[in-house]
Amino acid sequence: MSVPVWLWFATIAGLVVLLAIDLFIVDRKPHEVTIGEAARWVTFYVGVAILFGVGIWFWSGGVYAGEFFAGYITEYSLSVDNLFIFLIIMTTFKVPAIHQHKVLLIGILMALVMRGIFIAVGAAVIAEFSWVFYLFGLFLIYTGYKLARTDHNEEEEEYKENIALRLVRKVYPVTDGYQGSKSFVKIDGRRFVTPMFIVIVAIGTTDLLFALDSIPAIFGLTKEPFLVFTANAFALMGLRQLYFLLGGLLSKLVYLSIGLSVILGFIGVKLILEALHTNSLFFLNGGEPLHVPTIGIELSLSVIIGVLAITTIASLVKAKRDAAEAVEQASGSDHL
């Protein structure tokens, strides 16, 4: 896929304009984001991503468009699982509802910049060392196994501050409470950071850690840096509104981790098969490629959509059944 420099700049400029519009319209007046407002923005961002994918189909063909959609759906799905951690962070730092959208916007904007650097480095490493796909594949299979063992229904865990946050606290004193939407304030001539700044750093750095599995996953679906970056960008841009839209629904997606673990494991196997198919390791088959089957993007996209549909429906059915059982138990105890 040949992507001219001007298209890179035009795409990045378009993403910046979208973020600026979002910032101007939504954050012009701090307020608590309603479900209806979040639904409209989610629909808007998903629609823009679909139009972008159609544009790729028109200019570069169905294969690249399929890779973009597979990557976008995978990144967006992994982001839904990440919202559990965002919810814990917001609860831990007691972020006022009217400021939560700004926290997510700035934190994810930081993550977008850092992911761009991560993607550039990853693309350079892959171009130089094709055997890195063996490592990516094994890592995704291991990550999928760990994710399958995650239980979001257990008692909410306590957020543990990472090294970046501990470093900020060492450099700057932190005010006791929020100072509106300000990140920095001066008190008696001394500069302080507010909890607002701390939680923004927490969101941004935590999302970067999530990239440790999502970036290898999307490189398993497409090796085009342009598609990797844009799929990540659209997934991140729609993540904030998704946070407010899903709300309490997050606790009902009980099988989401299992579904995502299947997807990560599937992509991990796909990566290893491709690595074997283009093998260059001297100690494996004398450095010659192995004749193994590979998984096309059509099958990948079908598996991703199918697994997500099954796990989402199964989760909602279980949540409905559990709610009905709870009502029956409450009704039975009332009759005692």
C-alpha atoms as a PDB file:
ATOM      1  CA  MET A   1       0.000   0.000   0.000  1.00  0.00           C
ATOM      2  CA  SER A   2       1.610   3.228  -1.174  1.00  0.00           C
ATOM      3  CA  VAL A   3       0.659   6.174   1.048  1.00  0.00           C
ATOM      4  CA  PRO A   4       2.019   9.567  -0.106  1.00  0.00           C
ATOM      5  CA  VAL A   5       3.292  11.994   2.512  1.00  0.00           C
ATOM      6  CA  TRP A   6       0.494  14.465   1.767  1.00  0.00           C
ATOM      7  CA  LEU A   7      -2.104  11.815   2.662  1.00  0.00           C
ATOM      8  CA  TRP A   8      -0.434  11.238   6.023  1.00  0.00           C
ATOM      9  CA  PHE A   9      -0.547  14.976   6.760  1.00  0.00           C
ATOM     10  CA  ALA A  10      -4.124  15.297   5.472  1.00  0.00           C
ATOM     11  CA  THR A  11      -5.296  12.371   7.625  1.00  0.00           C
ATOM     12  CA  ILE A  12      -3.606  13.690  10.761  1.00  0.00           C
ATOM     13  CA  ALA A  13      -4.997  17.174  10.079  1.00  0.00           C
ATOM     14  CA  GLY A  14      -8.479  15.695   9.672  1.00  0.00           C
ATOM     15  CA  LEU A  15      -8.181  13.848  12.981  1.00  0.00           C
ATOM     16  CA  VAL A  16      -7.017  17.045  14.702  1.00  0.00           C
ATOM     17  CA  VAL A  17     -10.019  18.931  13.261  1.00  0.00           C
ATOM     18  CA  LEU A  18     -12.392  16.245  14.562  1.00  0.00           C
ATOM     19  CA  LEU A  19     -10.851  16.475  18.029  1.00  0.00           C
ATOM     20  CA  ALA A  20     -11.009  20.274  17.925  1.00  0.00           C
ATOM     21  CA  ILE A  21     -14.714  20.167  17.016  1.00  0.00           C
ATOM     22  CA  ASP A  22     -15.332  17.695  19.823  1.00  0.00           C
ATOM     23  CA  LEU A  23     -13.409  19.880  22.270  1.00  0.00           C
ATOM     24  CA  PHE A  24     -15.205  23.060  21.201  1.00  0.00           C
ATOM     25  CA  ILE A  25     -18.719  21.619  21.228  1.00  0.00           C
ATOM     26  CA  VAL A  26     -18.593  19.257  24.196  1.00  0.00           C
ATOM     27  CA  ASP A  27     -16.048  20.904  26.502  1.00  0.00           C
ATOM     28  CA  ARG A  28     -16.942  24.516  25.788  1.00  0.00           C
ATOM     29  CA  LYS A  29     -19.174  24.337  28.846  1.00  0.00           C
ATOM     30  CA  PRO A  30     -18.288  21.600  31.371  1.00  0.00           C
ATOM     31  CA  HIS A  31     -21.292  19.370  32.000  1.00  0.00           C
ATOM     32  CA  GLU A  32     -22.269  15.810  32.755  1.00  0.00           C
ATOM     33  CA  VAL A  33     -22.460  13.907  29.461  1.00  0.00           C
ATOM     34  CA  THR A  34     -25.887  12.336  28.947  1.00  0.00           C
ATOM     35  CA  ILE A  35     -26.527   8.939  27.364  1.00  0.00           C
ATOM     36  CA  GLY A  36     -28.265  10.571  24.405  1.00  0.00           C
ATOM     37  CA  GLU A  37     -25.349  12.918  23.760  1.00  0.00           C
ATOM     38  CA  ALA A  38     -22.848  10.076  24.058  1.00  0.00           C
ATOM     39  CA  ALA A  39     -24.905   7.925  21.671  1.00  0.00           C
ATOM     40  CA  ARG A  40     -24.903  10.666  19.029  1.00  0.00           C
ATOM     41  CA  TRP A  41     -21.136  11.120  19.271  1.00  0.00           C
ATOM     42  CA  VAL A  42     -20.476   7.354  19.170  1.00  0.00           C
ATOM     43  CA  THR A  43     -22.666   7.110  16.067  1.00  0.00           C
ATOM     44  CA  PHE A  44     -20.793  10.042  14.521  1.00  0.00           C
ATOM     45  CA  TYR A  45     -17.315   8.593  15.131  1.00  0.00           C
ATOM     46  CA  VAL A  46     -18.302   5.104  14.008  1.00  0.00           C
ATOM     47  CA  GLY A  47     -19.851   6.636  10.886  1.00  0.00           C
ATOM     48  CA  VAL A  48     -16.677   8.591  10.122  1.00  0.00           C
ATOM     49  CA  ALA A  49     -14.591   5.419  10.578  1.00  0.00           C
ATOM     50  CA  ILE A  50     -16.883   3.529   8.184  1.00  0.00           C
ATOM     51  CA  LEU A  51     -16.612   6.311   5.597  1.00  0.00           C
ATOM     52  CA  PHE A  52     -12.838   6.246   5.974  1.00  0.00           C
ATOM     53  CA  GLY A  53     -12.830   2.467   5.404  1.00  0.00           C
ATOM     54  CA  VAL A  54     -15.044   2.885   2.320  1.00  0.00           C
ATOM     55  CA  GLY A  55     -12.569   5.480   1.041  1.00  0.00           C
ATOM     56  CA  ILE A  56      -9.730   2.970   1.460  1.00  0.00           C
ATOM     57  CA  TRP A  57     -11.823   0.399  -0.424  1.00  0.00           C
ATOM     58  CA  PHE A  58     -12.357   2.868  -3.266  1.00  0.00           C
ATOM     59  CA  TRP A  59      -8.720   3.984  -3.563  1.00  0.00           C
ATOM     60  CA  SER A  60      -6.751   0.884  -2.545  1.00  0.00           C
ATOM     61  CA  GLY A  61      -9.075  -2.104  -2.870  1.00  0.00           C
ATOM     62  CA  GLY A  62     -11.070  -4.473  -0.686  1.00  0.00           C
ATOM     63  CA  VAL A  63      -8.101  -6.230   0.919  1.00  0.00           C
ATOM     64  CA  TYR A  64      -6.749  -3.081   2.545  1.00  0.00           C
ATOM     65  CA  ALA A  65     -10.257  -1.958   3.472  1.00  0.00           C
ATOM     66  CA  GLY A  66     -10.829  -5.343   5.121  1.00  0.00           C
ATOM     67  CA  GLU A  67      -7.578  -4.970   7.048  1.00  0.00           C
ATOM     68  CA  PHE A  68      -8.640  -1.518   8.257  1.00  0.00           C
ATOM     69  CA  PHE A  69     -12.080  -2.694   9.411  1.00  0.00           C
ATOM     70  CA  ALA A  70     -10.628  -5.809  11.103  1.00  0.00           C
ATOM     71  CA  GLY A  71      -8.065  -3.649  12.898  1.00  0.00           C
ATOM     72  CA  TYR A  72     -10.595  -0.985  13.849  1.00  0.00           C
ATOM     73  CA  ILE A  73     -13.117  -3.479  15.240  1.00  0.00           C
ATOM     74  CA  THR A  74     -10.387  -5.287  17.184  1.00  0.00           C
ATOM     75  CA  GLU A  75      -8.959  -2.069  18.654  1.00  0.00           C
ATOM     76  CA  TYR A  76     -12.416  -0.754  19.545  1.00  0.00           C
ATOM     77  CA  SER A  77     -13.337  -4.062  21.192  1.00  0.00           C
ATOM     78  CA  LEU A  78     -10.144  -4.141  23.231  1.00  0.00           C
ATOM     79  CA  SER A  79     -10.888  -0.542  24.239  1.00  0.00           C
ATOM     80  CA  VAL A  80     -14.250  -1.607  25.681  1.00  0.00           C
ATOM     81  CA  ASP A  81     -12.438  -3.976  28.027  1.00  0.00           C
ATOM     82  CA  ASN A  82     -10.081  -1.124  28.952  1.00  0.00           C
ATOM     83  CA  LEU A  83     -13.053   0.967  30.077  1.00  0.00           C
ATOM     84  CA  PHE A  84     -13.254  -1.184  33.216  1.00  0.00           C
ATOM     85  CA  ILE A  85      -9.879   0.236  34.250  1.00  0.00           C
ATOM     86  CA  PHE A  86     -10.927   3.784  33.321  1.00  0.00           C
ATOM     87  CA  LEU A  87     -13.979   3.351  35.553  1.00  0.00           C
ATOM     88  CA  ILE A  88     -11.757   2.269  38.446  1.00  0.00           C
ATOM     89  CA  ILE A  89      -9.461   5.282  37.896  1.00  0.00           C
ATOM     90  CA  MET A  90     -12.389   7.720  37.815  1.00  0.00           C
ATOM     91  CA  THR A  91     -13.811   6.192  40.988  1.00  0.00           C
ATOM     92  CA  THR A  92     -10.458   6.117  42.797  1.00  0.00           C
ATOM     93  CA  PHE A  93      -9.724   9.790  42.093  1.00  0.00           C
ATOM     94  CA  LYS A  94     -13.375  10.841  42.603  1.00  0.00           C
ATOM     95  CA  VAL A  95     -13.432  12.824  39.358  1.00  0.00           C
ATOM     96  CA  PRO A  96     -16.484  15.146  39.214  1.00  0.00           C
ATOM     97  CA  ALA A  97     -18.930  14.035  36.510  1.00  0.00           C
ATOM     98  CA  ILE A  98     -18.764  17.410  34.708  1.00  0.00           C
ATOM     99  CA  HIS A  99     -14.995  17.046  34.217  1.00  0.00           C
ATOM    100  CA  GLN A 100     -14.791  13.363  33.260  1.00  0.00           C
ATOM    101  CA  HIS A 101     -15.100  14.046  29.519  1.00  0.00           C
ATOM    102  CA  LYS A 102     -12.160  16.483  29.588  1.00  0.00           C
ATOM    103  CA  VAL A 103     -10.046  14.021  31.537  1.00  0.00           C
ATOM    104  CA  LEU A 104     -10.693  11.322  28.950  1.00  0.00           C
ATOM    105  CA  LEU A 105     -10.133  13.701  26.039  1.00  0.00           C
ATOM    106  CA  ILE A 106      -6.718  14.950  27.157  1.00  0.00           C
ATOM    107  CA  GLY A 107      -5.600  11.579  28.523  1.00  0.00           C
ATOM    108  CA  ILE A 108      -6.484   9.766  25.304  1.00  0.00           C
ATOM    109  CA  LEU A 109      -4.939  12.543  23.189  1.00  0.00           C
ATOM    110  CA  MET A 110      -1.690  11.906  25.071  1.00  0.00           C
ATOM    111  CA  ALA A 111      -2.077   8.200  24.411  1.00  0.00           C
ATOM    112  CA  LEU A 112      -2.687   8.836  20.698  1.00  0.00           C
ATOM    113  CA  VAL A 113       0.593  10.722  20.372  1.00  0.00           C
ATOM    114  CA  MET A 114       2.499   8.048  22.288  1.00  0.00           C
ATOM    115  CA  ARG A 115       0.860   5.251  20.289  1.00  0.00           C
ATOM    116  CA  GLY A 116       1.914   7.010  17.085  1.00  0.00           C
ATOM    117  CA  ILE A 117       5.522   6.805  18.260  1.00  0.00           C
ATOM    118  CA  PHE A 118       5.015   3.179  19.315  1.00  0.00           C
ATOM    119  CA  ILE A 119       3.571   2.288  15.888  1.00  0.00           C
ATOM    120  CA  ALA A 120       6.456   3.980  14.050  1.00  0.00           C
ATOM    121  CA  VAL A 121       9.014   2.068  16.126  1.00  0.00           C
ATOM    122  CA  GLY A 122       7.087  -1.189  15.703  1.00  0.00           C
ATOM    123  CA  ALA A 123       6.885  -0.764  11.920  1.00  0.00           C
ATOM    124  CA  ALA A 124      10.633  -0.108  11.721  1.00  0.00           C
ATOM    125  CA  VAL A 125      11.436  -3.196  13.814  1.00  0.00           C
ATOM    126  CA  ILE A 126       9.112  -5.393  11.747  1.00  0.00           C
ATOM    127  CA  ALA A 127      10.634  -4.145   8.487  1.00  0.00           C
ATOM    128  CA  GLU A 128      14.116  -5.002   9.765  1.00  0.00           C
ATOM    129  CA  PHE A 129      13.408  -8.202  11.727  1.00  0.00           C
ATOM    130  CA  SER A 130      10.539 -10.295  10.365  1.00  0.00           C
ATOM    131  CA  TRP A 131      11.078 -12.922  13.065  1.00  0.00           C
ATOM    132  CA  VAL A 132       9.566 -10.497  15.591  1.00  0.00           C
ATOM    133  CA  PHE A 133       6.164 -11.904  14.546  1.00  0.00           C
ATOM    134  CA  TYR A 134       7.042 -15.103  16.414  1.00  0.00           C
ATOM    135  CA  LEU A 135       7.357 -13.017  19.590  1.00  0.00           C
ATOM    136  CA  PHE A 136       4.188 -11.055  18.833  1.00  0.00           C
ATOM    137  CA  GLY A 137       2.256 -14.261  18.243  1.00  0.00           C
ATOM    138  CA  LEU A 138       3.399 -15.944  21.455  1.00  0.00           C
ATOM    139  CA  PHE A 139       2.777 -12.743  23.418  1.00  0.00           C
ATOM    140  CA  LEU A 140      -0.795 -12.474  22.119  1.00  0.00           C
ATOM    141  CA  ILE A 141      -1.545 -16.098  22.931  1.00  0.00           C
ATOM    142  CA  TYR A 142      -0.198 -15.592  26.467  1.00  0.00           C
ATOM    143  CA  THR A 143      -2.142 -12.318  26.835  1.00  0.00           C
ATOM    144  CA  GLY A 144      -5.310 -14.041  25.638  1.00  0.00           C
ATOM    145  CA  TYR A 145      -4.817 -16.769  28.248  1.00  0.00           C
ATOM    146  CA  LYS A 146      -4.386 -14.175  31.014  1.00  0.00           C
ATOM    147  CA  LEU A 147      -7.400 -12.192  29.801  1.00  0.00           C
ATOM    148  CA  ALA A 148      -9.587 -15.294  29.859  1.00  0.00           C
ATOM    149  CA  ARG A 149      -8.805 -15.640  33.564  1.00  0.00           C
ATOM    150  CA  THR A 150      -9.881 -12.054  34.302  1.00  0.00           C
ATOM    151  CA  ASP A 151     -13.149 -11.668  36.180  1.00  0.00           C
ATOM    152  CA  HIS A 152     -14.605  -8.155  36.101  1.00  0.00           C
ATOM    153  CA  ASN A 153     -17.465  -9.277  38.307  1.00  0.00           C
ATOM    154  CA  GLU A 154     -15.192  -9.756  41.275  1.00  0.00           C
ATOM    155  CA  GLU A 155     -15.001  -7.028  43.868  1.00  0.00           C
ATOM    156  CA  GLU A 156     -13.640  -3.872  42.253  1.00  0.00           C
ATOM    157  CA  GLU A 157      -9.893  -3.769  42.563  1.00  0.00           C
ATOM    158  CA  GLU A 158      -7.981  -0.766  43.833  1.00  0.00           C
ATOM    159  CA  TYR A 159      -6.049   1.254  41.280  1.00  0.00           C
ATOM    160  CA  LYS A 160      -2.303   1.167  41.871  1.00  0.00           C
ATOM    161  CA  GLU A 161      -0.382   4.221  40.699  1.00  0.00           C
ATOM    162  CA  ASN A 162       2.304   3.569  38.092  1.00  0.00           C
ATOM    163  CA  ILE A 163       5.833   4.917  38.028  1.00  0.00           C
ATOM    164  CA  ALA A 164       4.849   7.991  35.974  1.00  0.00           C
ATOM    165  CA  LEU A 165       2.367   9.119  38.611  1.00  0.00           C
ATOM    166  CA  ARG A 166       4.794   8.492  41.439  1.00  0.00           C
ATOM    167  CA  LEU A 167       7.382  10.579  39.598  1.00  0.00           C
ATOM    168  CA  VAL A 168       4.918  13.467  39.153  1.00  0.00           C
ATOM    169  CA  ARG A 169       4.124  13.398  42.863  1.00  0.00           C
ATOM    170  CA  LYS A 170       7.835  13.603  43.679  1.00  0.00           C
ATOM    171  CA  VAL A 171       8.418  16.584  41.399  1.00  0.00           C
ATOM    172  CA  TYR A 172       5.252  18.589  42.179  1.00  0.00           C
ATOM    173  CA  PRO A 173       3.127  18.884  45.306  1.00  0.00           C
ATOM    174  CA  VAL A 174      -0.517  17.981  44.756  1.00  0.00           C
ATOM    175  CA  THR A 175      -3.456  20.016  46.034  1.00  0.00           C
ATOM    176  CA  ASP A 176      -5.897  18.332  48.385  1.00  0.00           C
ATOM    177  CA  GLY A 177      -8.902  18.864  46.143  1.00  0.00           C
ATOM    178  CA  TYR A 178      -9.913  19.729  42.585  1.00  0.00           C
ATOM    179  CA  GLN A 179      -9.526  23.348  41.452  1.00  0.00           C
ATOM    180  CA  GLY A 180     -12.289  23.333  38.855  1.00  0.00           C
ATOM    181  CA  SER A 181     -10.874  21.979  35.611  1.00  0.00           C
ATOM    182  CA  LYS A 182      -7.375  23.378  36.242  1.00  0.00           C
ATOM    183  CA  SER A 183      -4.354  21.071  36.103  1.00  0.00           C
ATOM    184  CA  PHE A 184      -1.865  23.549  37.607  1.00  0.00           C
ATOM    185  CA  VAL A 185      -2.362  26.263  40.227  1.00  0.00           C
ATOM    186  CA  LYS A 186      -0.152  28.666  42.167  1.00  0.00           C
ATOM    187  CA  ILE A 187      -0.602  28.888  45.908  1.00  0.00           C
ATOM    188  CA  ASP A 188       1.524  31.406  47.850  1.00  0.00           C
ATOM    189  CA  GLY A 189       3.848  31.679  44.853  1.00  0.00           C
ATOM    190  CA  ARG A 190       4.391  27.928  44.695  1.00  0.00           C
ATOM    191  CA  ARG A 191       3.236  25.791  41.741  1.00  0.00           C
ATOM    192  CA  PHE A 192       0.997  22.832  42.531  1.00  0.00           C
ATOM    193  CA  VAL A 193      -0.593  20.184  40.334  1.00  0.00           C
ATOM    194  CA  THR A 194      -4.192  19.270  40.974  1.00  0.00           C
ATOM    195  CA  PRO A 195      -5.816  15.836  41.107  1.00  0.00           C
ATOM    196  CA  MET A 196      -7.124  16.701  37.608  1.00  0.00           C
ATOM    197  CA  PHE A 197      -3.568  16.532  36.218  1.00  0.00           C
ATOM    198  CA  ILE A 198      -2.852  13.318  38.130  1.00  0.00           C
ATOM    199  CA  VAL A 199      -5.902  11.524  36.736  1.00  0.00           C
ATOM    200  CA  ILE A 200      -5.148  12.740  33.176  1.00  0.00           C
ATOM    201  CA  VAL A 201      -1.663  11.238  33.435  1.00  0.00           C
ATOM    202  CA  ALA A 202      -3.184   8.067  34.881  1.00  0.00           C
ATOM    203  CA  ILE A 203      -5.571   7.695  31.919  1.00  0.00           C
ATOM    204  CA  GLY A 204      -2.881   8.485  29.334  1.00  0.00           C
ATOM    205  CA  THR A 205      -0.186   6.191  30.706  1.00  0.00           C
ATOM    206  CA  THR A 206      -2.628   3.375  31.442  1.00  0.00           C
ATOM    207  CA  ASP A 207      -3.879   3.478  27.856  1.00  0.00           C
ATOM    208  CA  LEU A 208      -0.288   3.287  26.647  1.00  0.00           C
ATOM    209  CA  LEU A 209       0.131   0.071  28.636  1.00  0.00           C
ATOM    210  CA  PHE A 210      -2.951  -1.292  26.879  1.00  0.00           C
ATOM    211  CA  ALA A 211      -1.089  -0.767  23.595  1.00  0.00           C
ATOM    212  CA  LEU A 212       1.282  -3.578  24.599  1.00  0.00           C
ATOM    213  CA  ASP A 213      -1.348  -6.068  23.422  1.00  0.00           C
ATOM    214  CA  SER A 214      -3.438  -3.992  20.997  1.00  0.00           C
ATOM    215  CA  ILE A 215      -0.530  -2.847  18.786  1.00  0.00           C
ATOM    216  CA  PRO A 216       0.835  -6.389  18.217  1.00  0.00           C
ATOM    217  CA  ALA A 217      -2.764  -7.537  17.628  1.00  0.00           C
ATOM    218  CA  ILE A 218      -3.408  -5.066  14.832  1.00  0.00           C
ATOM    219  CA  PHE A 219       0.022  -5.702  13.283  1.00  0.00           C
ATOM    220  CA  GLY A 220      -1.196  -9.284  13.071  1.00  0.00           C
ATOM    221  CA  LEU A 221      -4.081  -8.091  10.882  1.00  0.00           C
ATOM    222  CA  THR A 222      -2.224  -5.574   8.726  1.00  0.00           C
ATOM    223  CA  LYS A 223       1.412  -4.649   8.261  1.00  0.00           C
ATOM    224  CA  GLU A 224       0.569  -1.224   6.850  1.00  0.00           C
ATOM    225  CA  PRO A 225       1.579   1.505   9.366  1.00  0.00           C
ATOM    226  CA  PHE A 226      -1.029   3.875   7.882  1.00  0.00           C
ATOM    227  CA  LEU A 227      -3.849   1.413   8.584  1.00  0.00           C
ATOM    228  CA  VAL A 228      -2.462   0.577  12.030  1.00  0.00           C
ATOM    229  CA  PHE A 229      -2.355   4.260  12.996  1.00  0.00           C
ATOM    230  CA  THR A 230      -5.759   5.236  11.620  1.00  0.00           C
ATOM    231  CA  ALA A 231      -7.520   2.196  13.115  1.00  0.00           C
ATOM    232  CA  ASN A 232      -6.016   3.066  16.513  1.00  0.00           C
ATOM    233  CA  ALA A 233      -6.901   6.745  16.122  1.00  0.00           C
ATOM    234  CA  PHE A 234     -10.566   6.130  15.304  1.00  0.00           C
ATOM    235  CA  ALA A 235     -10.878   3.565  18.107  1.00  0.00           C
ATOM    236  CA  LEU A 236      -9.396   5.983  20.649  1.00  0.00           C
ATOM    237  CA  MET A 237     -11.437   8.965  19.458  1.00  0.00           C
ATOM    238  CA  GLY A 238     -14.698   7.116  19.971  1.00  0.00           C
ATOM    239  CA  LEU A 239     -13.608   5.663  23.290  1.00  0.00           C
ATOM    240  CA  ARG A 240     -14.584   8.647  25.456  1.00  0.00           C
ATOM    241  CA  GLN A 241     -18.196   8.728  24.323  1.00  0.00           C
ATOM    242  CA  LEU A 242     -18.395   4.950  24.594  1.00  0.00           C
ATOM    243  CA  TYR A 243     -17.400   5.295  28.257  1.00  0.00           C
ATOM    244  CA  PHE A 244     -20.483   7.403  28.988  1.00  0.00           C
ATOM    245  CA  LEU A 245     -22.783   5.432  26.684  1.00  0.00           C
ATOM    246  CA  LEU A 246     -22.091   2.017  28.182  1.00  0.00           C
ATOM    247  CA  GLY A 247     -22.094   3.165  31.799  1.00  0.00           C
ATOM    248  CA  GLY A 248     -23.633   0.409  33.893  1.00  0.00           C
ATOM    249  CA  LEU A 249     -23.729  -1.906  30.874  1.00  0.00           C
ATOM    250  CA  LEU A 250     -20.028  -2.632  31.391  1.00  0.00           C
ATOM    251  CA  SER A 251     -20.826  -4.855  34.360  1.00  0.00           C
ATOM    252  CA  LYS A 252     -23.214  -6.880  32.160  1.00  0.00           C
ATOM    253  CA  LEU A 253     -20.594  -7.795  29.546  1.00  0.00           C
ATOM    254  CA  VAL A 254     -19.495 -10.773  31.624  1.00  0.00           C
ATOM    255  CA  TYR A 255     -18.163 -12.816  28.703  1.00  0.00           C
ATOM    256  CA  LEU A 256     -16.325  -9.984  26.963  1.00  0.00           C
ATOM    257  CA  SER A 257     -12.928 -10.990  28.352  1.00  0.00           C
ATOM    258  CA  ILE A 258     -13.428 -14.532  27.083  1.00  0.00           C
ATOM    259  CA  GLY A 259     -14.338 -13.262  23.624  1.00  0.00           C
ATOM    260  CA  LEU A 260     -11.360 -10.919  23.486  1.00  0.00           C
ATOM    261  CA  SER A 261      -9.048 -13.688  24.684  1.00  0.00           C
ATOM    262  CA  VAL A 262     -10.262 -15.881  21.808  1.00  0.00           C
ATOM    263  CA  ILE A 263      -9.601 -13.047  19.344  1.00  0.00           C
ATOM    264  CA  LEU A 264      -6.105 -12.381  20.714  1.00  0.00           C
ATOM    265  CA  GLY A 265      -5.288 -16.082  20.653  1.00  0.00           C
ATOM    266  CA  PHE A 266      -6.619 -16.365  17.077  1.00  0.00           C
ATOM    267  CA  ILE A 267      -4.494 -13.417  15.905  1.00  0.00           C
ATOM    268  CA  GLY A 268      -1.506 -14.873  17.756  1.00  0.00           C
ATOM    269  CA  VAL A 269      -1.868 -18.148  15.840  1.00  0.00           C
ATOM    270  CA  LYS A 270      -2.310 -16.168  12.611  1.00  0.00           C
ATOM    271  CA  LEU A 271       0.951 -14.315  13.276  1.00  0.00           C
ATOM    272  CA  ILE A 272       2.915 -17.480  13.993  1.00  0.00           C
ATOM    273  CA  LEU A 273       1.596 -19.169  10.829  1.00  0.00           C
ATOM    274  CA  GLU A 274       2.625 -16.139   8.765  1.00  0.00           C
ATOM    275  CA  ALA A 275       6.030 -16.099  10.451  1.00  0.00           C
ATOM    276  CA  LEU A 276       6.496 -19.778   9.590  1.00  0.00           C
ATOM    277  CA  HIS A 277       5.325 -19.155   6.025  1.00  0.00           C
ATOM    278  CA  THR A 278       8.039 -16.495   5.577  1.00  0.00           C
ATOM    279  CA  ASN A 279      10.538 -18.049   7.975  1.00  0.00           C
ATOM    280  CA  SER A 280      14.135 -16.812   7.914  1.00  0.00           C
ATOM    281  CA  LEU A 281      15.429 -18.211  11.210  1.00  0.00           C
ATOM    282  CA  PHE A 282      18.516 -20.318  10.436  1.00  0.00           C
ATOM    283  CA  PHE A 283      17.783 -22.931  13.121  1.00  0.00           C
ATOM    284  CA  LEU A 284      14.272 -23.591  11.804  1.00  0.00           C
ATOM    285  CA  ASN A 285      14.037 -25.577   8.552  1.00  0.00           C
ATOM    286  CA  GLY A 286      17.471 -24.328   7.598  1.00  0.00           C
ATOM    287  CA  GLY A 287      16.234 -20.753   7.330  1.00  0.00           C
ATOM    288  CA  GLU A 288      13.759 -21.691   4.588  1.00  0.00           C
ATOM    289  CA  PRO A 289      10.002 -20.899   4.653  1.00  0.00           C
ATOM    290  CA  LEU A 290       7.675 -23.670   5.791  1.00  0.00           C
ATOM    291  CA  HIS A 291       4.672 -24.629   3.701  1.00  0.00           C
ATOM    292  CA  VAL A 292       1.946 -23.976   6.256  1.00  0.00           C
ATOM    293  CA  PRO A 293      -1.552 -22.568   5.682  1.00  0.00           C
ATOM    294  CA  THR A 294      -2.103 -18.886   6.401  1.00  0.00           C
ATOM    295  CA  ILE A 295      -5.241 -17.060   7.488  1.00  0.00           C
ATOM    296  CA  GLY A 296      -6.656 -14.459   5.121  1.00  0.00           C
ATOM    297  CA  ILE A 297      -8.201 -11.154   6.148  1.00  0.00           C
ATOM    298  CA  GLU A 298     -11.701 -12.315   5.130  1.00  0.00           C
ATOM    299  CA  LEU A 299     -11.601 -15.197   7.616  1.00  0.00           C
ATOM    300  CA  SER A 300     -10.019 -12.949  10.261  1.00  0.00           C
ATOM    301  CA  LEU A 301     -12.759 -10.340   9.928  1.00  0.00           C
ATOM    302  CA  SER A 302     -15.465 -13.029  10.071  1.00  0.00           C
ATOM    303  CA  VAL A 303     -13.985 -14.609  13.211  1.00  0.00           C
ATOM    304  CA  ILE A 304     -13.613 -11.235  14.974  1.00  0.00           C
ATOM    305  CA  ILE A 305     -17.189 -10.135  14.237  1.00  0.00           C
ATOM    306  CA  GLY A 306     -18.608 -13.587  15.004  1.00  0.00           C
ATOM    307  CA  VAL A 307     -16.841 -13.949  18.360  1.00  0.00           C
ATOM    308  CA  LEU A 308     -17.850 -10.440  19.469  1.00  0.00           C
ATOM    309  CA  ALA A 309     -21.467 -11.011  18.458  1.00  0.00           C
ATOM    310  CA  ILE A 310     -21.673 -14.341  20.298  1.00  0.00           C
ATOM    311  CA  THR A 311     -20.028 -13.091  23.506  1.00  0.00           C
ATOM    312  CA  THR A 312     -22.113  -9.889  23.577  1.00  0.00           C
ATOM    313  CA  ILE A 313     -25.413 -11.741  23.072  1.00  0.00           C
ATOM    314  CA  ALA A 314     -24.447 -14.422  25.602  1.00  0.00           C
ATOM    315  CA  SER A 315     -23.480 -11.731  28.133  1.00  0.00           C
ATOM    316  CA  LEU A 316     -26.787  -9.867  27.770  1.00  0.00           C
ATOM    317  CA  VAL A 317     -28.786 -13.094  27.987  1.00  0.00           C
ATOM    318  CA  LYS A 318     -26.964 -14.071  31.184  1.00  0.00           C
ATOM    319  CA  ALA A 319     -27.451 -10.590  32.665  1.00  0.00           C
ATOM    320  CA  LYS A 320     -31.188 -10.767  31.922  1.00  0.00           C
ATOM    321  CA  ARG A 321     -31.443 -14.261  33.433  1.00  0.00           C
ATOM    322  CA  ASP A 322     -29.517 -13.203  36.557  1.00  0.00           C
ATOM    323  CA  ALA A 323     -31.777 -10.170  36.979  1.00  0.00           C
ATOM    324  CA  ALA A 324     -34.885 -12.373  36.700  1.00  0.00           C
ATOM    325  CA  GLU A 325     -33.482 -14.805  39.269  1.00  0.00           C
ATOM    326  CA  ALA A 326     -32.708 -11.921  41.629  1.00  0.00           C
ATOM    327  CA  VAL A 327     -36.311 -10.700  41.339  1.00  0.00           C
ATOM    328  CA  GLU A 328     -37.624 -14.203  42.041  1.00  0.00           C
ATOM    329  CA  GLN A 329     -35.391 -14.569  45.092  1.00  0.00           C
ATOM    330  CA  ALA A 330     -36.476 -11.170  46.410  1.00  0.00           C
ATOM    331  CA  SER A 331     -40.102 -12.074  45.814  1.00  0.00           C
ATOM    332  CA  GLY A 332     -39.653 -15.396  47.597  1.00  0.00           C
ATOM    333  CA  SER A 333     -38.017 -13.779  50.629  1.00  0.00           C
ATOM    334  CA  ASP A 334     -40.880 -11.276  50.863  1.00  0.00           C
ATOM    335  CA  HIS A 335     -43.375 -14.130  51.184  1.00  0.00           C
ATOM    336  CA  LEU A 336     -41.438 -15.680  54.073  1.00  0.00           C
END
